[in-house]
Protein backbone atom coordinates (compact mmCIF):
# COMPACT_ATOMS: atom_id res chain seq x y z
CA UNK A 1 144.37 100.29 165.96
CA UNK A 2 144.13 100.14 162.18
CA UNK A 3 147.17 101.84 160.67
CA UNK A 4 147.27 105.18 162.15
CA UNK A 5 143.53 105.47 162.76
CA UNK A 6 141.30 104.18 165.54
CA UNK A 7 139.40 100.96 164.95
CA UNK A 8 136.72 101.67 167.36
CA UNK A 9 134.07 102.63 164.57
CA UNK A 10 134.73 99.73 162.39
CA UNK A 11 131.54 97.83 163.48
CA UNK A 12 129.32 100.97 162.71
CA UNK A 13 129.81 100.54 158.91
CA UNK A 14 126.69 98.08 158.87
CA UNK A 15 124.37 100.41 160.70
CA UNK A 16 121.28 101.74 159.10
CA UNK A 17 119.28 104.95 159.71
CA UNK A 18 116.42 102.69 161.23
CA UNK A 19 118.83 101.64 164.01
CA UNK A 20 118.93 105.22 165.07
CA UNK A 21 115.52 106.28 164.44
CA UNK A 22 114.02 105.76 167.85
CA UNK A 23 116.97 107.89 169.43
CA UNK A 24 116.47 110.57 166.77
CA UNK A 25 112.76 110.70 167.43
CA UNK A 26 113.41 110.82 171.25
CA UNK A 27 115.65 113.53 170.86
CA UNK A 28 113.05 115.51 168.74
CA UNK A 29 110.47 114.71 171.28
CA UNK A 30 112.47 115.92 174.15
CA UNK A 31 113.62 119.13 172.40
CA UNK A 32 110.69 120.09 170.30
CA UNK A 33 107.58 118.27 172.04
CA UNK A 34 106.79 116.07 169.03
CA UNK A 35 105.50 112.66 169.63
CA UNK A 36 103.44 109.83 168.32
CA UNK A 37 105.62 109.25 165.18
CA UNK A 38 106.86 105.70 164.48
CA UNK A 39 109.39 106.90 161.94
CA UNK A 40 111.14 109.99 160.64
CA UNK A 41 109.05 109.85 157.26
CA UNK A 42 105.97 109.89 159.24
CA UNK A 43 107.03 112.99 161.14
CA UNK A 44 108.00 114.66 157.88
CA UNK A 45 104.53 113.60 156.17
CA UNK A 46 102.59 115.24 159.16
CA UNK A 47 104.67 118.45 158.78
CA UNK A 48 103.78 118.49 154.97
CA UNK A 49 100.16 117.90 155.46
CA UNK A 50 99.74 120.69 157.96
CA UNK A 51 97.93 123.73 156.60
CA UNK A 52 99.94 127.04 156.35
CA UNK A 53 97.98 128.22 159.64
CA UNK A 54 99.29 125.33 161.62
CA UNK A 55 103.00 125.81 160.43
CA UNK A 56 105.31 127.88 162.67
CA UNK A 57 108.88 128.58 163.19
CA UNK A 58 109.44 125.91 165.63
CA UNK A 59 109.31 123.46 162.63
CA UNK A 60 112.37 125.15 161.13
CA UNK A 61 114.21 124.62 164.29
CA UNK A 62 113.04 121.00 164.31
CA UNK A 63 114.12 120.28 160.74
CA UNK A 64 117.39 121.81 161.43
CA UNK A 65 117.91 119.55 164.33
CA UNK A 66 116.82 116.56 162.13
CA UNK A 67 119.17 117.66 159.34
CA UNK A 68 122.15 117.82 161.91
CA UNK A 69 121.28 114.32 163.25
CA UNK A 70 121.12 112.96 159.64
CA UNK A 71 124.50 114.44 158.87
CA UNK A 72 126.03 113.27 161.98
CA UNK A 73 124.63 109.74 160.90
CA UNK A 74 126.14 110.16 157.36
CA UNK A 75 129.38 111.05 158.89
CA UNK A 76 129.68 108.12 161.00
CA UNK A 77 128.47 105.75 158.21
CA UNK A 78 130.91 107.02 155.71
CA UNK A 79 133.73 106.49 158.59
CA UNK A 80 134.86 110.08 158.39
C-alpha cells in the first residue's frame, strides 16, 4: 500500500494506448463485427472515408464504445 491508496496500479503509469490497441480492436470486432484493422486510426480512417450511403447508426454505437474504452484508458493512465 502507498499511503492510504492501493499500490496495485503503480506499474500501469508507463503503459501506452498501443499496448491496449489489440484488446480494444478485439472488443470492437466482437461487439460490432468490425475486423481487418491493424490500429484504431486505421478503423477511424475507414469510417471517415465511407460514403454517406454506407454510413449507418451502428457506427455511432461503435464510436461510443471506442470513446468509453479510451476514457477508461485515460482514467487508468492518470491514476484515478
